[in-house]
Amino acid sequence: MTACPHLPTRGLRDVSGIPQLGVTLEPGERLSQFPSAPFSHAAFVRLVDWVTIGVVPPHAAAIKIANGAFVTDEFGNAKGGVRSPYVDVPTARHVATRYVRNLVRVEVPFTLEQLQQLYGTRANYLHRFNQSIAATIKGGWILAVDGDRLQQEEAEMAPL
């Protein structure tokens, strides 16, 4: 899943809370705020449905790799893989990290100026975010209940 850490760090702001992982942040970086739990929740539900009633789960193209590295978009985020607003309506560059076999990810938030250039207004950003959440739900990557919660969270915490 594009930009999704294997070890959830959403809500953690201070790396001192996970000293055993040896994580140090470079200037401008923060722990990934990607919400991995809703995607894991949907994956589990889809797996159970597949095993119990034969409903095949959704399939996405692989994350694009060339010359041993991720192929990235103009924001530095990987192309391909499961798409979500966190990469299609980005507010940060997601960094493929160097920590604990890439279990922990970091991100570099965009500046206010970058966000204003990309989205103009908070309302426009939220509109695009909500459209992407709807597509993520339709694709089967998250459940509607989790999508609703993510939209509420983003409405409260939108960066603009």
N, C-alpha and C. Protein backbone atom coordinates (compact mmCIF):
# COMPACT_ATOMS: atom_id res chain seq x y z
N MET A 1 0.85 -1.16 0.00
CA MET A 1 0.00 0.00 0.00
C MET A 1 0.90 1.23 0.00
N THR A 2 0.68 2.10 -0.94
CA THR A 2 1.52 3.26 -1.10
C THR A 2 1.47 4.16 0.13
N ALA A 3 2.64 4.44 0.70
CA ALA A 3 2.87 5.34 1.85
C ALA A 3 2.47 4.75 3.20
N CYS A 4 1.95 3.55 3.25
CA CYS A 4 1.48 2.98 4.50
C CYS A 4 2.63 2.35 5.30
N PRO A 5 2.82 2.79 6.54
CA PRO A 5 3.84 2.15 7.37
C PRO A 5 3.34 0.80 7.87
N HIS A 6 4.25 -0.10 8.11
CA HIS A 6 3.88 -1.40 8.68
C HIS A 6 3.61 -1.27 10.17
N LEU A 7 4.29 -0.35 10.80
CA LEU A 7 4.10 -0.08 12.23
C LEU A 7 3.37 1.25 12.35
N PRO A 8 2.12 1.25 12.79
CA PRO A 8 1.36 2.51 12.84
C PRO A 8 2.00 3.53 13.77
N THR A 9 2.12 4.75 13.28
CA THR A 9 2.67 5.84 14.09
C THR A 9 1.76 7.06 14.07
N ARG A 10 0.56 6.92 13.52
CA ARG A 10 -0.38 8.05 13.46
C ARG A 10 -0.66 8.53 14.88
N GLY A 11 -0.55 9.82 15.06
CA GLY A 11 -0.78 10.42 16.37
C GLY A 11 0.48 10.57 17.20
N LEU A 12 1.53 9.82 16.87
CA LEU A 12 2.80 9.97 17.60
C LEU A 12 3.57 11.15 17.02
N ARG A 13 3.99 12.01 17.87
CA ARG A 13 4.74 13.19 17.42
C ARG A 13 6.19 13.15 17.86
N ASP A 14 6.47 12.33 18.86
CA ASP A 14 7.79 12.33 19.49
C ASP A 14 8.42 10.95 19.36
N VAL A 15 9.55 10.85 18.69
CA VAL A 15 10.20 9.55 18.51
C VAL A 15 10.73 8.98 19.82
N SER A 16 10.79 9.78 20.87
CA SER A 16 11.28 9.26 22.14
C SER A 16 10.32 8.21 22.70
N GLY A 17 9.09 8.17 22.16
CA GLY A 17 8.13 7.17 22.61
C GLY A 17 8.42 5.78 22.06
N ILE A 18 9.35 5.67 21.12
CA ILE A 18 9.71 4.37 20.54
C ILE A 18 11.23 4.23 20.46
N PRO A 19 11.92 4.39 21.60
CA PRO A 19 13.38 4.39 21.58
C PRO A 19 13.99 3.06 21.13
N GLN A 20 13.31 1.96 21.36
CA GLN A 20 13.85 0.66 21.01
C GLN A 20 14.01 0.48 19.50
N LEU A 21 13.37 1.32 18.70
CA LEU A 21 13.49 1.21 17.25
C LEU A 21 14.66 2.02 16.70
N GLY A 22 15.25 2.85 17.50
CA GLY A 22 16.40 3.61 17.05
C GLY A 22 16.07 4.64 15.99
N VAL A 23 14.88 5.20 16.03
CA VAL A 23 14.44 6.17 15.03
C VAL A 23 14.96 7.55 15.38
N THR A 24 15.59 8.18 14.44
CA THR A 24 15.95 9.58 14.56
C THR A 24 15.41 10.29 13.33
N LEU A 25 14.91 11.48 13.53
CA LEU A 25 14.32 12.21 12.43
C LEU A 25 15.29 13.25 11.89
N GLU A 26 15.30 13.38 10.58
CA GLU A 26 16.06 14.44 9.93
C GLU A 26 15.27 15.74 10.05
N PRO A 27 15.92 16.89 9.89
CA PRO A 27 15.19 18.16 9.95
C PRO A 27 14.03 18.17 8.96
N GLY A 28 12.86 18.59 9.43
CA GLY A 28 11.67 18.67 8.61
C GLY A 28 10.84 17.41 8.58
N GLU A 29 11.38 16.30 9.08
CA GLU A 29 10.63 15.04 9.07
C GLU A 29 9.78 14.91 10.33
N ARG A 30 8.75 14.08 10.21
CA ARG A 30 7.96 13.65 11.37
C ARG A 30 7.56 12.20 11.12
N LEU A 31 7.14 11.53 12.17
CA LEU A 31 6.64 10.17 12.00
C LEU A 31 5.42 10.19 11.08
N SER A 32 5.26 9.15 10.31
CA SER A 32 4.14 9.07 9.38
C SER A 32 2.81 9.21 10.10
N GLN A 33 1.94 10.02 9.53
CA GLN A 33 0.60 10.18 10.06
C GLN A 33 -0.43 9.45 9.19
N PHE A 34 0.08 8.55 8.34
CA PHE A 34 -0.80 7.74 7.50
C PHE A 34 -1.65 6.84 8.38
N PRO A 35 -2.98 6.82 8.17
CA PRO A 35 -3.86 6.00 9.01
C PRO A 35 -3.92 4.55 8.52
N SER A 36 -3.01 3.74 8.94
CA SER A 36 -2.94 2.36 8.44
C SER A 36 -4.07 1.47 8.96
N ALA A 37 -4.61 1.77 10.14
CA ALA A 37 -5.63 0.89 10.74
C ALA A 37 -6.86 0.68 9.85
N PRO A 38 -7.43 1.72 9.24
CA PRO A 38 -8.60 1.47 8.38
C PRO A 38 -8.30 0.56 7.19
N PHE A 39 -7.11 0.64 6.65
CA PHE A 39 -6.74 -0.20 5.52
C PHE A 39 -6.54 -1.65 5.98
N SER A 40 -5.95 -1.82 7.16
CA SER A 40 -5.79 -3.16 7.73
C SER A 40 -7.15 -3.76 8.07
N HIS A 41 -8.05 -2.94 8.60
CA HIS A 41 -9.40 -3.38 8.93
C HIS A 41 -10.10 -3.92 7.69
N ALA A 42 -10.07 -3.15 6.61
CA ALA A 42 -10.72 -3.57 5.37
C ALA A 42 -10.06 -4.84 4.82
N ALA A 43 -8.73 -4.91 4.89
CA ALA A 43 -8.03 -6.11 4.39
C ALA A 43 -8.47 -7.35 5.15
N PHE A 44 -8.62 -7.22 6.46
CA PHE A 44 -9.06 -8.36 7.27
C PHE A 44 -10.48 -8.78 6.89
N VAL A 45 -11.37 -7.80 6.76
CA VAL A 45 -12.76 -8.10 6.39
C VAL A 45 -12.79 -8.76 5.01
N ARG A 46 -12.01 -8.24 4.06
CA ARG A 46 -11.99 -8.81 2.71
C ARG A 46 -11.42 -10.25 2.74
N LEU A 47 -10.42 -10.49 3.57
CA LEU A 47 -9.86 -11.84 3.69
C LEU A 47 -10.90 -12.81 4.24
N VAL A 48 -11.60 -12.40 5.28
CA VAL A 48 -12.64 -13.25 5.87
C VAL A 48 -13.73 -13.52 4.83
N ASP A 49 -14.16 -12.49 4.11
CA ASP A 49 -15.17 -12.68 3.08
C ASP A 49 -14.70 -13.64 1.99
N TRP A 50 -13.45 -13.56 1.63
CA TRP A 50 -12.89 -14.43 0.59
C TRP A 50 -12.90 -15.89 1.06
N VAL A 51 -12.44 -16.09 2.28
CA VAL A 51 -12.35 -17.45 2.81
C VAL A 51 -13.73 -18.04 3.11
N THR A 52 -14.64 -17.23 3.64
CA THR A 52 -15.91 -17.78 4.09
C THR A 52 -17.00 -17.81 3.02
N ILE A 53 -17.01 -16.81 2.12
CA ILE A 53 -18.09 -16.78 1.13
C ILE A 53 -17.60 -16.64 -0.31
N GLY A 54 -16.28 -16.66 -0.49
CA GLY A 54 -15.72 -16.68 -1.84
C GLY A 54 -15.69 -15.36 -2.57
N VAL A 55 -15.86 -14.24 -1.87
CA VAL A 55 -15.80 -12.93 -2.51
C VAL A 55 -14.32 -12.54 -2.64
N VAL A 56 -13.85 -12.45 -3.88
CA VAL A 56 -12.45 -12.14 -4.13
C VAL A 56 -12.17 -10.68 -3.74
N PRO A 57 -11.09 -10.45 -3.00
CA PRO A 57 -10.76 -9.07 -2.58
C PRO A 57 -10.27 -8.24 -3.76
N PRO A 58 -10.25 -6.92 -3.60
CA PRO A 58 -9.76 -6.06 -4.68
C PRO A 58 -8.28 -6.28 -4.94
N HIS A 59 -7.85 -5.89 -6.11
CA HIS A 59 -6.45 -6.04 -6.51
C HIS A 59 -5.96 -4.71 -7.06
N ALA A 60 -4.77 -4.34 -6.68
CA ALA A 60 -4.17 -3.09 -7.17
C ALA A 60 -2.89 -3.41 -7.93
N ALA A 61 -2.51 -2.50 -8.79
CA ALA A 61 -1.22 -2.61 -9.46
C ALA A 61 -0.12 -2.50 -8.42
N ALA A 62 1.01 -3.09 -8.70
CA ALA A 62 2.15 -3.01 -7.79
C ALA A 62 2.68 -1.57 -7.72
N ILE A 63 3.33 -1.26 -6.62
CA ILE A 63 4.04 0.02 -6.54
C ILE A 63 5.14 -0.03 -7.58
N LYS A 64 5.29 1.05 -8.33
CA LYS A 64 6.24 1.06 -9.44
C LYS A 64 7.67 1.19 -8.94
N ILE A 65 8.53 0.34 -9.49
CA ILE A 65 9.96 0.34 -9.13
C ILE A 65 10.77 0.33 -10.42
N ALA A 66 11.81 1.13 -10.44
CA ALA A 66 12.74 1.15 -11.57
C ALA A 66 14.15 1.32 -11.02
N ASN A 67 15.07 0.53 -11.51
CA ASN A 67 16.46 0.59 -11.06
C ASN A 67 16.57 0.45 -9.55
N GLY A 68 15.73 -0.41 -8.97
CA GLY A 68 15.81 -0.69 -7.54
C GLY A 68 15.24 0.38 -6.64
N ALA A 69 14.53 1.37 -7.20
CA ALA A 69 13.97 2.45 -6.38
C ALA A 69 12.52 2.70 -6.78
N PHE A 70 11.76 3.27 -5.85
CA PHE A 70 10.38 3.63 -6.17
C PHE A 70 10.37 4.69 -7.27
N VAL A 71 9.44 4.55 -8.19
CA VAL A 71 9.16 5.61 -9.16
C VAL A 71 8.21 6.56 -8.46
N THR A 72 8.55 7.85 -8.46
CA THR A 72 7.77 8.80 -7.68
C THR A 72 7.10 9.85 -8.57
N ASP A 73 6.08 10.45 -7.99
CA ASP A 73 5.37 11.53 -8.66
C ASP A 73 6.07 12.86 -8.37
N GLU A 74 5.45 13.95 -8.79
CA GLU A 74 6.06 15.27 -8.61
C GLU A 74 6.21 15.68 -7.16
N PHE A 75 5.56 14.96 -6.24
CA PHE A 75 5.66 15.27 -4.82
C PHE A 75 6.67 14.38 -4.09
N GLY A 76 7.22 13.41 -4.81
CA GLY A 76 8.16 12.48 -4.20
C GLY A 76 7.51 11.25 -3.61
N ASN A 77 6.22 11.06 -3.89
CA ASN A 77 5.49 9.90 -3.39
C ASN A 77 5.44 8.81 -4.46
N ALA A 78 5.46 7.56 -4.02
CA ALA A 78 5.51 6.42 -4.94
C ALA A 78 4.28 6.37 -5.84
N LYS A 79 4.50 5.94 -7.06
CA LYS A 79 3.41 5.70 -8.01
C LYS A 79 2.98 4.25 -7.91
N GLY A 80 1.73 3.99 -8.28
CA GLY A 80 1.20 2.64 -8.25
C GLY A 80 0.72 2.27 -6.86
N GLY A 81 0.41 1.00 -6.68
CA GLY A 81 -0.07 0.52 -5.39
C GLY A 81 -1.48 0.97 -5.09
N VAL A 82 -1.94 0.68 -3.89
CA VAL A 82 -3.26 1.11 -3.44
C VAL A 82 -3.22 2.62 -3.28
N ARG A 83 -4.18 3.27 -3.90
CA ARG A 83 -4.23 4.73 -3.85
C ARG A 83 -5.16 5.19 -2.73
N SER A 84 -4.88 6.36 -2.22
CA SER A 84 -5.69 6.95 -1.15
C SER A 84 -5.47 8.46 -1.19
N PRO A 85 -6.27 9.22 -0.43
CA PRO A 85 -6.04 10.66 -0.43
C PRO A 85 -4.67 11.05 0.12
N TYR A 86 -4.06 10.16 0.87
CA TYR A 86 -2.78 10.50 1.49
C TYR A 86 -1.64 10.54 0.47
N VAL A 87 -1.88 9.98 -0.71
CA VAL A 87 -0.90 10.10 -1.81
C VAL A 87 -1.48 10.82 -3.02
N ASP A 88 -2.80 10.78 -3.19
CA ASP A 88 -3.41 11.42 -4.35
C ASP A 88 -3.84 12.86 -4.08
N VAL A 89 -4.01 13.23 -2.82
CA VAL A 89 -4.29 14.60 -2.39
C VAL A 89 -3.30 14.87 -1.26
N PRO A 90 -2.02 14.87 -1.59
CA PRO A 90 -1.01 14.84 -0.53
C PRO A 90 -0.86 16.15 0.22
N THR A 91 -0.44 16.00 1.48
CA THR A 91 -0.04 17.14 2.30
C THR A 91 1.39 16.95 2.79
N ALA A 92 2.02 15.86 2.33
CA ALA A 92 3.38 15.53 2.76
C ALA A 92 4.03 14.62 1.72
N ARG A 93 5.35 14.62 1.75
CA ARG A 93 6.12 13.64 0.98
C ARG A 93 6.40 12.48 1.92
N HIS A 94 6.00 11.29 1.50
CA HIS A 94 6.21 10.09 2.31
C HIS A 94 7.57 9.50 1.96
N VAL A 95 8.37 9.28 2.98
CA VAL A 95 9.75 8.85 2.80
C VAL A 95 9.87 7.35 3.06
N ALA A 96 10.38 6.64 2.06
CA ALA A 96 10.72 5.23 2.28
C ALA A 96 11.90 5.24 3.23
N THR A 97 11.69 4.76 4.42
CA THR A 97 12.66 5.00 5.49
C THR A 97 13.73 3.94 5.60
N ARG A 98 14.61 4.26 6.47
CA ARG A 98 15.79 3.44 6.71
C ARG A 98 15.73 2.76 8.07
N TYR A 99 14.56 2.67 8.66
CA TYR A 99 14.43 2.18 10.02
C TYR A 99 13.82 0.79 10.08
N VAL A 100 14.38 -0.05 10.89
CA VAL A 100 13.84 -1.35 11.24
C VAL A 100 13.16 -2.01 10.04
N ARG A 101 13.98 -2.21 9.01
CA ARG A 101 13.50 -2.86 7.78
C ARG A 101 12.24 -2.21 7.23
N ASN A 102 12.19 -0.89 7.31
CA ASN A 102 11.09 -0.09 6.75
C ASN A 102 9.74 -0.30 7.44
N LEU A 103 9.74 -0.75 8.69
CA LEU A 103 8.48 -0.86 9.43
C LEU A 103 7.94 0.51 9.79
N VAL A 104 8.84 1.43 10.09
CA VAL A 104 8.45 2.79 10.47
C VAL A 104 8.72 3.70 9.29
N ARG A 105 7.75 4.54 8.97
CA ARG A 105 7.92 5.51 7.90
C ARG A 105 7.91 6.92 8.49
N VAL A 106 8.48 7.81 7.73
CA VAL A 106 8.43 9.22 8.09
C VAL A 106 7.88 9.99 6.91
N GLU A 107 7.51 11.23 7.18
CA GLU A 107 7.01 12.10 6.12
C GLU A 107 7.55 13.50 6.33
N VAL A 108 7.57 14.24 5.24
CA VAL A 108 7.98 15.65 5.28
C VAL A 108 6.76 16.46 4.89
N PRO A 109 6.13 17.13 5.86
CA PRO A 109 4.93 17.90 5.56
C PRO A 109 5.23 19.05 4.59
N PHE A 110 4.26 19.33 3.72
CA PHE A 110 4.38 20.46 2.82
C PHE A 110 4.24 21.75 3.63
N THR A 111 4.85 22.80 3.14
CA THR A 111 4.72 24.10 3.79
C THR A 111 3.33 24.67 3.49
N LEU A 112 2.93 25.66 4.26
CA LEU A 112 1.65 26.33 4.04
C LEU A 112 1.60 26.89 2.61
N GLU A 113 2.71 27.44 2.16
CA GLU A 113 2.75 28.00 0.81
C GLU A 113 2.53 26.91 -0.25
N GLN A 114 3.14 25.75 -0.07
CA GLN A 114 2.94 24.65 -1.00
C GLN A 114 1.48 24.20 -1.00
N LEU A 115 0.89 24.08 0.19
CA LEU A 115 -0.50 23.65 0.30
C LEU A 115 -1.44 24.66 -0.37
N GLN A 116 -1.19 25.94 -0.17
CA GLN A 116 -2.03 26.97 -0.80
C GLN A 116 -1.88 26.94 -2.32
N GLN A 117 -0.67 26.69 -2.80
CA GLN A 117 -0.45 26.60 -4.24
C GLN A 117 -1.19 25.39 -4.82
N LEU A 118 -1.17 24.27 -4.11
CA LEU A 118 -1.82 23.05 -4.58
C LEU A 118 -3.34 23.11 -4.52
N TYR A 119 -3.88 23.63 -3.42
CA TYR A 119 -5.31 23.49 -3.15
C TYR A 119 -6.06 24.82 -3.06
N GLY A 120 -5.34 25.90 -2.90
CA GLY A 120 -5.99 27.21 -2.80
C GLY A 120 -6.62 27.44 -1.45
N THR A 121 -7.70 26.72 -1.18
CA THR A 121 -8.43 26.93 0.06
C THR A 121 -8.60 25.62 0.82
N ARG A 122 -8.92 25.75 2.07
CA ARG A 122 -9.21 24.59 2.91
C ARG A 122 -10.41 23.82 2.35
N ALA A 123 -11.43 24.55 1.91
CA ALA A 123 -12.63 23.91 1.37
C ALA A 123 -12.29 23.10 0.12
N ASN A 124 -11.46 23.63 -0.75
CA ASN A 124 -11.07 22.90 -1.95
C ASN A 124 -10.27 21.65 -1.59
N TYR A 125 -9.34 21.78 -0.64
CA TYR A 125 -8.58 20.61 -0.19
C TYR A 125 -9.52 19.54 0.34
N LEU A 126 -10.44 19.91 1.23
CA LEU A 126 -11.36 18.93 1.82
C LEU A 126 -12.26 18.30 0.77
N HIS A 127 -12.69 19.07 -0.21
CA HIS A 127 -13.50 18.51 -1.30
C HIS A 127 -12.73 17.41 -2.04
N ARG A 128 -11.48 17.71 -2.38
CA ARG A 128 -10.65 16.71 -3.09
C ARG A 128 -10.35 15.51 -2.19
N PHE A 129 -10.08 15.76 -0.93
CA PHE A 129 -9.83 14.68 0.03
C PHE A 129 -11.05 13.76 0.09
N ASN A 130 -12.23 14.35 0.24
CA ASN A 130 -13.46 13.56 0.36
C ASN A 130 -13.75 12.77 -0.92
N GLN A 131 -13.48 13.35 -2.08
CA GLN A 131 -13.64 12.63 -3.34
C GLN A 131 -12.72 11.40 -3.37
N SER A 132 -11.49 11.58 -2.90
CA SER A 132 -10.54 10.48 -2.89
C SER A 132 -10.93 9.40 -1.88
N ILE A 133 -11.46 9.81 -0.73
CA ILE A 133 -11.96 8.83 0.25
C ILE A 133 -13.08 8.01 -0.38
N ALA A 134 -13.99 8.67 -1.09
CA ALA A 134 -15.09 7.96 -1.74
C ALA A 134 -14.56 6.93 -2.73
N ALA A 135 -13.54 7.29 -3.49
CA ALA A 135 -12.94 6.35 -4.45
C ALA A 135 -12.24 5.20 -3.72
N THR A 136 -11.64 5.49 -2.58
CA THR A 136 -10.96 4.47 -1.80
C THR A 136 -11.97 3.47 -1.23
N ILE A 137 -13.11 3.97 -0.80
CA ILE A 137 -14.19 3.10 -0.33
C ILE A 137 -14.73 2.27 -1.49
N LYS A 138 -15.01 2.93 -2.61
CA LYS A 138 -15.56 2.23 -3.78
C LYS A 138 -14.61 1.13 -4.25
N GLY A 139 -13.31 1.38 -4.16
CA GLY A 139 -12.32 0.38 -4.56
C GLY A 139 -12.19 -0.77 -3.58
N GLY A 140 -12.81 -0.65 -2.42
CA GLY A 140 -12.76 -1.72 -1.43
C GLY A 140 -11.56 -1.67 -0.51
N TRP A 141 -10.83 -0.56 -0.52
CA TRP A 141 -9.60 -0.48 0.28
C TRP A 141 -9.85 -0.06 1.71
N ILE A 142 -10.95 0.62 1.96
CA ILE A 142 -11.39 0.91 3.32
C ILE A 142 -12.90 0.71 3.38
N LEU A 143 -13.42 0.53 4.58
CA LEU A 143 -14.86 0.39 4.78
C LEU A 143 -15.50 1.77 4.93
N ALA A 144 -16.77 1.86 4.58
CA ALA A 144 -17.47 3.15 4.65
C ALA A 144 -17.40 3.77 6.04
N VAL A 145 -17.57 2.96 7.08
CA VAL A 145 -17.53 3.49 8.44
C VAL A 145 -16.16 4.12 8.74
N ASP A 146 -15.09 3.50 8.26
CA ASP A 146 -13.76 4.07 8.47
C ASP A 146 -13.55 5.30 7.60
N GLY A 147 -14.10 5.28 6.41
CA GLY A 147 -14.01 6.46 5.54
C GLY A 147 -14.70 7.66 6.15
N ASP A 148 -15.86 7.43 6.75
CA ASP A 148 -16.58 8.52 7.42
C ASP A 148 -15.73 9.09 8.55
N ARG A 149 -15.11 8.21 9.32
CA ARG A 149 -14.27 8.67 10.44
C ARG A 149 -13.07 9.47 9.94
N LEU A 150 -12.45 9.00 8.85
CA LEU A 150 -11.29 9.72 8.29
C LEU A 150 -11.71 11.09 7.77
N GLN A 151 -12.88 11.18 7.17
CA GLN A 151 -13.37 12.48 6.70
C GLN A 151 -13.61 13.43 7.87
N GLN A 152 -14.16 12.91 8.96
CA GLN A 152 -14.38 13.75 10.14
C GLN A 152 -13.05 14.22 10.73
N GLU A 153 -12.09 13.30 10.83
CA GLU A 153 -10.77 13.67 11.35
C GLU A 153 -10.13 14.74 10.49
N GLU A 154 -10.20 14.56 9.17
CA GLU A 154 -9.55 15.52 8.28
C GLU A 154 -10.25 16.88 8.35
N ALA A 155 -11.56 16.89 8.49
CA ALA A 155 -12.29 18.15 8.62
C ALA A 155 -11.83 18.93 9.86
N GLU A 156 -11.47 18.19 10.91
CA GLU A 156 -10.99 18.83 12.14
C GLU A 156 -9.51 19.22 12.07
N MET A 157 -8.71 18.45 11.32
CA MET A 157 -7.26 18.63 11.36
C MET A 157 -6.66 19.07 10.02
N ALA A 158 -7.48 19.44 9.05
CA ALA A 158 -6.97 19.81 7.73
C ALA A 158 -5.86 20.85 7.86
N PRO A 159 -4.81 20.69 7.06
CA PRO A 159 -3.64 21.55 7.22
C PRO A 159 -3.82 23.00 6.76
N LEU A 160 -4.87 23.30 6.05
CA LEU A 160 -5.10 24.69 5.60
C LEU A 160 -6.09 25.39 6.50
